[in-house]
N, C-alpha and C. Protein backbone atom coordinates (compact mmCIF):
# COMPACT_ATOMS: atom_id res chain seq x y z
N UNK A 1 47.03 100.39 48.98
CA UNK A 1 46.13 99.25 49.70
C UNK A 1 46.12 98.19 49.16
N UNK A 2 46.66 97.20 49.67
CA UNK A 2 46.29 95.65 49.54
C UNK A 2 44.79 95.01 49.60
N UNK A 3 43.94 94.57 48.63
CA UNK A 3 42.55 93.87 48.83
C UNK A 3 42.96 92.40 48.37
N UNK A 4 42.13 91.60 49.18
CA UNK A 4 42.14 90.53 48.69
C UNK A 4 39.95 90.10 48.96
N UNK A 5 40.03 89.32 47.70
CA UNK A 5 38.27 89.05 48.32
C UNK A 5 38.37 87.69 48.16
N UNK A 6 37.91 87.10 48.85
CA UNK A 6 37.62 85.51 48.78
C UNK A 6 36.57 84.85 49.35
N UNK A 7 36.02 83.89 48.88
CA UNK A 7 35.19 83.88 48.69
C UNK A 7 34.82 82.21 48.75
N UNK A 8 33.30 81.64 49.04
CA UNK A 8 33.04 80.23 48.98
C UNK A 8 31.77 80.28 47.90
N UNK A 9 31.54 79.47 47.42
CA UNK A 9 29.63 79.38 46.38
C UNK A 9 29.10 78.42 45.82
N UNK A 10 28.18 77.41 46.53
CA UNK A 10 28.36 76.58 46.48
C UNK A 10 27.10 76.54 45.10
N UNK A 11 26.17 77.68 44.97
CA UNK A 11 25.29 78.02 44.09
C UNK A 11 25.51 79.01 42.92
N UNK A 12 26.81 79.45 43.29
CA UNK A 12 27.40 80.59 41.87
C UNK A 12 26.28 82.06 42.37
N UNK A 13 26.20 82.24 43.69
CA UNK A 13 25.13 83.62 43.90
C UNK A 13 26.63 84.52 44.41
N UNK A 14 26.95 83.32 45.40
CA UNK A 14 28.28 84.68 46.45
C UNK A 14 29.86 84.55 44.86
N UNK A 15 29.87 83.81 44.03
CA UNK A 15 31.12 83.91 43.00
C UNK A 15 30.60 85.12 42.34
N UNK A 16 29.17 85.10 41.89
CA UNK A 16 28.89 86.62 41.29
C UNK A 16 29.02 88.14 41.98
N UNK A 17 28.81 87.82 43.08
CA UNK A 17 29.04 88.87 43.60
C UNK A 17 30.71 88.93 44.08
N UNK A 18 31.61 88.38 44.52
CA UNK A 18 32.85 88.63 44.56
C UNK A 18 33.76 89.09 43.15
N UNK A 19 33.09 88.41 42.50
CA UNK A 19 33.36 88.89 40.79
C UNK A 19 33.39 90.37 40.40
N UNK A 20 32.33 90.90 41.12
CA UNK A 20 31.45 92.08 41.15
C UNK A 20 32.57 93.07 41.96
N UNK A 21 32.83 92.49 43.02
CA UNK A 21 33.43 93.38 43.95
C UNK A 21 34.97 93.50 43.12
N UNK A 22 35.61 92.17 42.67
CA UNK A 22 37.12 92.24 41.98
C UNK A 22 37.03 93.27 40.91
N UNK A 23 36.12 93.13 40.17
CA UNK A 23 35.93 94.16 38.64
C UNK A 23 35.49 95.37 39.53
N UNK A 24 34.87 95.55 40.68
CA UNK A 24 34.98 97.20 40.22
C UNK A 24 36.26 97.91 41.76
N UNK A 25 36.69 96.92 42.24
CA UNK A 25 38.18 97.34 42.65
C UNK A 25 39.15 97.96 41.85
N UNK A 26 38.69 98.08 40.26
CA UNK A 26 39.65 98.46 39.50
C UNK A 26 40.92 98.18 39.35
N UNK A 27 41.77 98.79 39.30
CA UNK A 27 43.34 98.98 39.26
C UNK A 27 43.96 99.13 40.63
N UNK A 28 43.01 98.85 41.78
CA UNK A 28 43.60 98.62 43.11
C UNK A 28 44.49 97.43 43.25
N UNK A 29 45.64 97.20 43.93
CA UNK A 29 46.45 95.71 44.14
C UNK A 29 45.00 94.68 44.87
N UNK A 30 45.07 93.57 44.08
CA UNK A 30 44.04 93.07 44.47
C UNK A 30 43.90 91.73 44.04
N UNK A 31 43.49 91.05 44.94
CA UNK A 31 43.53 89.22 44.55
C UNK A 31 41.61 88.65 44.63
N UNK A 32 41.85 87.47 43.87
CA UNK A 32 40.53 87.20 44.43
C UNK A 32 40.55 85.86 44.92
N UNK A 33 40.13 84.77 45.54
CA UNK A 33 40.05 83.37 45.53
C UNK A 33 39.41 83.21 46.18
N UNK A 34 38.89 81.56 45.57
CA UNK A 34 38.19 80.59 45.54
C UNK A 34 38.32 79.75 46.60
N UNK A 35 37.80 79.97 47.65
CA UNK A 35 38.69 78.58 48.75
C UNK A 35 38.31 77.00 48.83
N UNK A 36 37.57 76.83 47.77
CA UNK A 36 37.11 75.63 47.11
C UNK A 36 37.83 75.40 46.44
N UNK A 37 38.68 75.57 45.65
CA UNK A 37 40.33 75.62 45.16
C UNK A 37 41.08 76.00 45.18
N UNK A 38 41.68 76.59 46.07
CA UNK A 38 42.93 77.66 46.18
C UNK A 38 42.71 78.04 48.31
N UNK A 39 43.71 77.37 48.90
CA UNK A 39 43.69 77.60 50.03
C UNK A 39 44.98 79.20 50.33
N UNK A 40 45.84 79.24 49.60
CA UNK A 40 46.67 80.37 49.78
C UNK A 40 46.11 81.61 50.20
N UNK A 41 46.04 82.44 51.24
CA UNK A 41 45.42 83.46 51.44
C UNK A 41 46.42 84.45 51.76
N UNK A 42 46.57 85.41 50.37
CA UNK A 42 48.32 86.45 50.80
C UNK A 42 47.49 87.43 51.70
N UNK A 43 48.30 88.38 52.22
CA UNK A 43 48.07 89.28 53.68
C UNK A 43 47.72 90.53 52.74
N UNK A 44 46.96 91.15 53.60
CA UNK A 44 46.09 92.33 52.83
C UNK A 44 45.71 93.36 53.90
N UNK A 45 45.39 94.56 53.48
CA UNK A 45 44.91 96.05 54.57
C UNK A 45 43.18 95.50 54.42
N UNK A 46 42.68 95.08 53.87
CA UNK A 46 41.24 94.48 53.56
C UNK A 46 40.98 93.40 53.30
N UNK A 47 40.47 92.59 53.50
CA UNK A 47 39.67 91.06 53.13
C UNK A 47 38.35 91.18 53.29
N UNK A 48 37.60 91.47 51.78
CA UNK A 48 36.30 90.87 51.63
C UNK A 48 36.18 89.09 51.61
N UNK A 49 34.94 88.80 52.50
CA UNK A 49 34.90 87.57 52.74
C UNK A 49 33.72 87.24 52.44
N UNK A 50 33.50 86.34 51.36
CA UNK A 50 32.04 86.41 51.06
C UNK A 50 31.03 84.78 51.03
N UNK A 51 30.46 84.42 51.07
CA UNK A 51 29.79 82.87 51.45
C UNK A 51 28.14 82.85 51.30
N UNK A 52 27.42 82.00 51.25
CA UNK A 52 26.55 81.34 50.97
C UNK A 52 25.67 81.01 52.59
N UNK A 53 24.72 81.98 53.33
CA UNK A 53 24.25 81.58 54.30
C UNK A 53 23.26 80.13 54.55
N UNK A 54 23.57 79.25 55.23
CA UNK A 54 22.97 78.28 55.37
C UNK A 54 22.55 78.06 57.51
N UNK A 55 21.87 77.97 57.33
CA UNK A 55 21.24 77.63 58.68
C UNK A 55 21.51 78.77 59.43
N UNK A 56 21.34 79.75 58.77
CA UNK A 56 21.63 81.53 59.82
C UNK A 56 23.32 81.22 60.20
N UNK A 57 24.49 80.80 59.32
CA UNK A 57 25.42 80.77 59.88
C UNK A 57 26.61 80.47 58.28
N UNK A 58 27.31 80.92 58.58
CA UNK A 58 28.35 80.33 57.51
C UNK A 58 28.66 79.03 57.54
N UNK A 59 29.33 78.18 56.37
CA UNK A 59 30.14 76.89 56.57
C UNK A 59 31.26 76.61 57.49
N UNK A 60 31.37 75.92 57.77
CA UNK A 60 32.70 75.22 58.55
C UNK A 60 34.09 75.60 57.78
N UNK A 61 33.76 75.50 56.31
CA UNK A 61 34.90 75.93 55.86
C UNK A 61 35.44 77.43 55.70
N UNK A 62 34.48 78.31 56.20
CA UNK A 62 34.60 79.86 56.08
C UNK A 62 35.14 79.96 58.09
N UNK A 63 34.59 78.99 58.91
CA UNK A 63 35.35 79.04 60.00
C UNK A 63 36.46 79.13 60.00
N UNK A 64 37.37 77.98 59.19
CA UNK A 64 38.35 77.42 59.17
C UNK A 64 39.21 78.58 58.53
N UNK A 65 38.49 79.18 57.49
CA UNK A 65 39.54 80.20 56.98
C UNK A 65 39.48 81.44 57.77
N UNK A 66 38.68 81.60 58.88
CA UNK A 66 38.73 82.46 59.61
C UNK A 66 39.95 82.46 60.85
N UNK A 67 39.88 80.77 61.31
CA UNK A 67 40.97 80.57 62.06
C UNK A 67 42.61 80.91 61.78
N UNK A 68 42.71 80.88 59.66
CA UNK A 68 43.82 80.79 59.04
C UNK A 68 43.89 82.58 58.67
N UNK A 69 43.13 83.40 58.91
CA UNK A 69 43.39 84.39 58.26
C UNK A 69 44.34 85.28 59.64
N UNK A 70 45.13 86.46 58.76
CA UNK A 70 45.66 86.96 59.53
C UNK A 70 45.07 88.37 60.22
N UNK A 71 45.71 89.04 60.92
CA UNK A 71 45.00 90.28 61.29
C UNK A 71 45.03 91.40 60.26
N UNK A 72 43.67 91.78 60.24
CA UNK A 72 43.17 93.14 59.61
C UNK A 72 42.07 93.15 59.51
N UNK A 73 41.81 93.92 58.56
CA UNK A 73 39.95 94.55 58.67
C UNK A 73 39.32 93.30 57.75
N UNK A 74 37.79 93.53 57.95
CA UNK A 74 37.36 92.48 57.07
C UNK A 74 36.09 92.88 57.26
N UNK A 75 35.75 92.89 55.92
CA UNK A 75 34.26 93.12 55.54
C UNK A 75 33.55 91.64 54.53
N UNK A 76 32.35 91.52 55.18
CA UNK A 76 31.30 90.14 55.00
C UNK A 76 30.17 90.79 53.57
N UNK A 77 30.74 89.65 52.82
CA UNK A 77 29.34 89.77 51.80
C UNK A 77 28.62 88.64 51.83
N UNK A 78 27.34 88.58 51.91
CA UNK A 78 26.78 87.07 51.51
C UNK A 78 25.36 86.84 50.76
N UNK A 79 25.01 85.86 50.71
CA UNK A 79 23.94 85.63 50.19
C UNK A 79 23.09 84.48 50.68
N UNK A 80 21.38 84.86 50.85
CA UNK A 80 20.66 84.09 51.53
C UNK A 80 19.54 83.64 50.60
N UNK A 81 18.78 82.68 50.60
CA UNK A 81 17.71 81.94 50.55
C UNK A 81 16.59 83.50 51.24
N UNK A 82 16.58 83.29 52.37
CA UNK A 82 16.00 84.14 53.17
C UNK A 82 15.97 85.74 52.90
N UNK A 83 15.02 86.35 53.08
CA UNK A 83 14.97 87.99 52.71
C UNK A 83 16.06 88.69 53.45
N UNK A 84 17.12 89.50 52.98
CA UNK A 84 17.74 89.77 53.62
C UNK A 84 17.01 91.31 54.83
N UNK A 85 16.04 91.14 55.77
CA UNK A 85 15.85 91.82 56.24
C UNK A 85 16.97 92.30 57.27
N UNK A 86 16.62 93.73 57.95
CA UNK A 86 17.82 93.91 58.77
C UNK A 86 18.10 93.00 59.90
N UNK A 87 16.21 92.50 60.55
CA UNK A 87 16.47 91.28 61.75
C UNK A 87 17.24 90.48 61.32
N UNK A 88 17.03 89.62 60.28
CA UNK A 88 17.85 88.40 59.86
C UNK A 88 19.03 88.48 59.66
N UNK A 89 19.50 89.73 58.94
CA UNK A 89 21.28 89.97 58.95
C UNK A 89 21.41 89.55 60.11
N UNK A 90 21.23 90.74 60.72
CA UNK A 90 21.61 90.96 62.75
C UNK A 90 22.15 89.37 63.48
N UNK A 91 20.92 88.32 62.94
CA UNK A 91 20.82 87.13 63.94
C UNK A 91 22.11 86.13 62.95
N UNK A 92 21.94 86.62 61.82
CA UNK A 92 22.81 85.85 61.15
C UNK A 92 24.64 86.66 61.43
N UNK A 93 24.96 87.44 61.52
CA UNK A 93 26.04 88.20 61.75
C UNK A 93 26.50 87.80 63.31
N UNK A 94 25.53 87.78 64.37
CA UNK A 94 25.60 87.61 66.00
C UNK A 94 25.96 86.06 66.08
N UNK A 95 25.71 85.27 64.88
CA UNK A 95 26.26 83.97 65.02
C UNK A 95 27.29 83.75 64.55
N UNK A 96 27.82 84.56 63.34
CA UNK A 96 29.24 84.40 62.50
C UNK A 96 30.09 85.33 63.23
N UNK A 97 29.78 86.12 64.01
CA UNK A 97 30.66 87.20 64.86
C UNK A 97 31.55 86.35 65.84
N UNK A 98 30.77 84.95 66.25
CA UNK A 98 31.99 84.05 67.05
C UNK A 98 33.27 83.47 66.73
N UNK A 99 32.75 83.46 65.51
CA UNK A 99 33.99 82.52 64.96
C UNK A 99 34.96 83.22 64.19
N UNK A 100 34.92 85.17 64.37
CA UNK A 100 35.96 85.56 63.88
C UNK A 100 37.06 85.73 65.26
N UNK A 101 38.73 85.96 64.93
CA UNK A 101 39.52 85.65 65.90
C UNK A 101 39.44 87.29 66.23
N UNK A 102 40.00 87.27 67.37
CA UNK A 102 39.98 88.74 68.05
C UNK A 102 40.75 89.75 67.09
N UNK A 103 41.83 89.23 66.72
CA UNK A 103 43.00 89.99 65.75
C UNK A 103 42.04 90.61 64.38
N UNK A 104 40.90 90.54 64.15
CA UNK A 104 40.22 90.78 62.75
C UNK A 104 39.47 91.88 63.00
N UNK A 105 39.37 93.05 62.43
CA UNK A 105 37.90 93.85 62.66
C UNK A 105 36.87 93.92 61.67
N UNK A 106 36.03 93.72 61.99
CA UNK A 106 34.85 93.05 61.18
C UNK A 106 34.42 94.98 60.99
N UNK A 107 34.12 95.46 59.44
CA UNK A 107 34.22 96.84 59.23
C UNK A 107 32.82 96.76 58.83
N UNK A 108 32.12 96.18 58.30
CA UNK A 108 31.12 95.93 57.56
C UNK A 108 30.10 94.53 56.83
N UNK A 109 29.15 94.73 56.77
CA UNK A 109 28.70 93.36 56.09
C UNK A 109 27.48 93.95 55.26
N UNK A 110 27.49 93.08 54.25
CA UNK A 110 26.19 93.00 53.14
C UNK A 110 25.59 92.25 52.79
N UNK A 111 24.51 91.99 52.74
CA UNK A 111 23.76 90.44 52.16
C UNK A 111 22.39 90.82 51.27
N UNK A 112 22.53 89.95 50.09
CA UNK A 112 21.52 89.99 49.58
C UNK A 112 20.90 88.53 49.51
N UNK A 113 19.64 88.61 48.68
CA UNK A 113 18.72 87.36 48.40
C UNK A 113 19.44 86.89 47.45
N UNK A 114 19.55 85.30 47.53
CA UNK A 114 19.90 84.45 46.39
C UNK A 114 19.08 83.17 45.56
N UNK A 115 19.44 82.61 45.01
CA UNK A 115 18.83 81.83 44.23
C UNK A 115 19.17 80.64 45.39
N UNK A 116 18.33 80.09 45.54
CA UNK A 116 18.17 78.77 46.36
C UNK A 116 17.71 77.56 45.56
N UNK A 117 18.30 76.60 45.73
CA UNK A 117 17.99 74.61 45.19
C UNK A 117 16.25 74.80 45.90
N UNK A 118 15.77 73.65 44.85
CA UNK A 118 14.50 73.14 45.38
C UNK A 118 14.49 72.44 46.92
N UNK A 119 15.37 71.54 46.84
CA UNK A 119 15.45 70.90 47.61
C UNK A 119 15.81 71.73 49.38
N UNK A 120 16.14 72.73 49.32
CA UNK A 120 16.41 73.42 50.47
C UNK A 120 15.35 74.03 50.65
N UNK A 121 14.16 74.82 49.79
CA UNK A 121 12.78 75.02 49.64
C UNK A 121 11.73 73.59 50.54
N UNK A 122 12.25 72.62 50.02
CA UNK A 122 11.70 71.64 50.58
C UNK A 122 12.14 71.24 52.01
N UNK A 123 12.92 71.50 52.61
CA UNK A 123 13.71 71.04 53.80
C UNK A 123 13.08 72.07 54.85
N UNK A 124 12.87 73.38 54.07
CA UNK A 124 12.56 74.54 54.98
C UNK A 124 10.91 74.43 54.99
N UNK A 125 10.29 73.97 53.91
CA UNK A 125 8.73 73.83 54.20
C UNK A 125 8.48 72.18 55.18
N UNK A 126 9.12 71.38 54.92
CA UNK A 126 8.88 70.05 55.96
C UNK A 126 9.54 71.13 57.63
N UNK A 127 10.46 72.34 57.89
CA UNK A 127 10.86 72.49 58.97
C UNK A 127 9.79 73.27 59.52
N UNK A 128 9.10 74.16 58.44
CA UNK A 128 8.19 75.22 59.07
C UNK A 128 7.05 75.29 58.29
N UNK A 129 5.98 74.17 58.00
CA UNK A 129 4.62 73.94 57.26
C UNK A 129 3.82 75.04 57.15
N UNK A 130 3.64 76.04 58.53
CA UNK A 130 2.99 76.93 58.61
C UNK A 130 3.40 78.09 57.70
N UNK A 131 4.51 78.52 57.33
CA UNK A 131 4.80 79.28 56.64
C UNK A 131 5.27 78.84 55.17
N UNK A 132 4.42 78.03 54.84
CA UNK A 132 4.33 77.42 53.20
C UNK A 132 4.53 78.24 52.09
N UNK A 133 3.33 78.59 52.02
CA UNK A 133 3.17 80.17 51.45
C UNK A 133 4.14 81.21 51.19
N UNK A 134 4.50 81.37 52.25
CA UNK A 134 5.46 83.37 52.20
C UNK A 134 7.19 81.89 52.00
N UNK A 135 7.25 81.26 51.92
CA UNK A 135 8.50 80.49 52.06
C UNK A 135 8.79 80.34 50.42
N UNK A 136 7.54 79.40 49.74
CA UNK A 136 7.65 79.56 48.04
C UNK A 136 7.41 80.86 47.39
N UNK A 137 6.90 82.03 48.15
CA UNK A 137 7.25 83.41 47.49
C UNK A 137 8.62 83.54 47.98
N UNK A 138 9.13 83.77 48.86
CA UNK A 138 10.60 83.80 48.57
C UNK A 138 11.57 82.61 47.76
N UNK A 139 11.11 81.52 47.39
CA UNK A 139 11.84 80.93 46.74
C UNK A 139 11.51 81.54 45.44
N UNK A 140 10.32 81.94 45.03
CA UNK A 140 10.49 82.66 43.50
C UNK A 140 10.99 83.81 43.33
N UNK A 141 11.09 84.87 44.42
CA UNK A 141 11.47 85.93 44.57
C UNK A 141 13.03 85.86 44.08
N UNK A 142 13.60 84.56 44.92
CA UNK A 142 15.09 84.56 45.35
C UNK A 142 15.40 84.41 43.60
N UNK A 143 14.99 83.71 42.90
CA UNK A 143 15.20 82.63 41.68
C UNK A 143 15.50 84.23 40.74
N UNK A 144 15.51 85.38 40.87
CA UNK A 144 16.35 86.12 39.93
C UNK A 144 16.95 87.16 40.73
N UNK A 145 17.69 86.71 41.82
CA UNK A 145 18.90 87.46 42.56
C UNK A 145 20.17 86.34 42.20
N UNK A 146 21.36 86.76 42.49
CA UNK A 146 21.28 88.39 42.53
C UNK A 146 21.21 88.69 41.41
N UNK A 147 20.35 90.29 41.45
CA UNK A 147 20.21 90.72 40.32
C UNK A 147 20.98 91.91 39.90
N UNK A 148 20.23 93.23 39.28
CA UNK A 148 21.12 94.59 38.88
C UNK A 148 21.20 95.16 40.17
N UNK A 149 19.95 95.11 40.79
CA UNK A 149 19.76 96.53 41.87
C UNK A 149 20.65 95.49 43.16
N UNK A 150 21.05 94.48 43.05
CA UNK A 150 21.68 94.14 44.24
C UNK A 150 22.83 93.98 44.26
N UNK A 151 23.35 94.21 43.05
CA UNK A 151 24.88 94.87 42.31
C UNK A 151 25.56 95.88 42.49
N UNK A 152 24.56 97.10 42.02
CA UNK A 152 24.22 98.39 42.45
C UNK A 152 24.91 98.54 43.98
N UNK A 153 23.84 97.82 44.77
CA UNK A 153 24.22 98.04 46.65
C UNK A 153 25.31 97.66 46.50
N UNK A 154 25.92 96.30 46.19
CA UNK A 154 27.05 95.82 46.37
C UNK A 154 28.16 97.27 46.28
N UNK A 155 28.08 97.36 44.95
CA UNK A 155 29.31 98.35 44.86
C UNK A 155 28.83 99.62 45.17
N UNK A 156 27.86 100.17 45.62
CA UNK A 156 27.49 101.16 47.07
C UNK A 156 28.15 100.74 48.26
N UNK A 157 28.01 99.66 48.86
CA UNK A 157 28.72 98.73 49.81
C UNK A 157 30.06 99.12 49.78
N UNK A 158 30.44 98.72 48.71
CA UNK A 158 32.44 99.04 48.54
C UNK A 158 32.84 100.18 48.41
N UNK A 159 31.85 101.30 47.73
CA UNK A 159 32.18 102.27 47.67
C UNK A 159 32.41 102.89 49.07
N UNK A 160 31.40 102.96 50.22
CA UNK A 160 31.15 103.31 51.24
C UNK A 160 32.46 102.39 52.44
N UNK A 161 32.58 101.51 52.34
CA UNK A 161 33.50 101.07 53.42
C UNK A 161 34.83 101.52 52.81
N UNK A 162 35.23 101.59 51.39
CA UNK A 162 36.62 101.85 50.89
C UNK A 162 36.81 103.30 51.79
N UNK A 163 35.51 104.36 51.49
CA UNK A 163 35.98 106.00 51.86
C UNK A 163 35.75 105.57 53.64
N UNK A 164 34.74 105.00 54.33
CA UNK A 164 34.78 105.15 55.40
C UNK A 164 35.99 104.50 56.19
N UNK A 165 36.34 103.56 55.78
CA UNK A 165 37.75 102.83 56.69
C UNK A 165 38.80 102.96 56.30
N UNK A 166 38.87 103.38 54.45
CA UNK A 166 40.40 104.07 54.27
C UNK A 166 40.74 104.75 53.69
N UNK A 167 39.49 106.09 53.57
CA UNK A 167 39.49 107.32 52.86
C UNK A 167 40.46 107.54 51.27
N UNK A 168 39.56 106.22 50.71
CA UNK A 168 40.21 105.75 49.39
C UNK A 168 39.40 106.98 48.45
């Protein structure tokens, strides 16, 4: 089975997750591709697609990537400055699913909190001044993510996905 880990990482959070997935796949036939440095995506049975969440969505670079990608199974892995509650993750996924081509099968997704840049916090507080304290707490909590627990949860996600989707 051929697996490709393809990602975009502006802050470094998603890169850490991509590298964790790539290493965790061990001896499998695999590639890892940072779309900011390489746009050549090989054919695969499974694509792990990673990105940071901004404004409850993926970047236009990821949208462009989806448009170029082949038929296959896809698993998303995302980092976000917001707490990754089920409600928030569902909202983000509903925004992203509209970009996936029909020939793509979204098999699962994973989200963890990540570090965010201070100016992003300032923008969020400007948009939601009533939630300033909550946003500052989230910012402080995010400064230690992705952490070891996140990486263990990511490994469990990969294990479950391979087992359930490919009987590996």
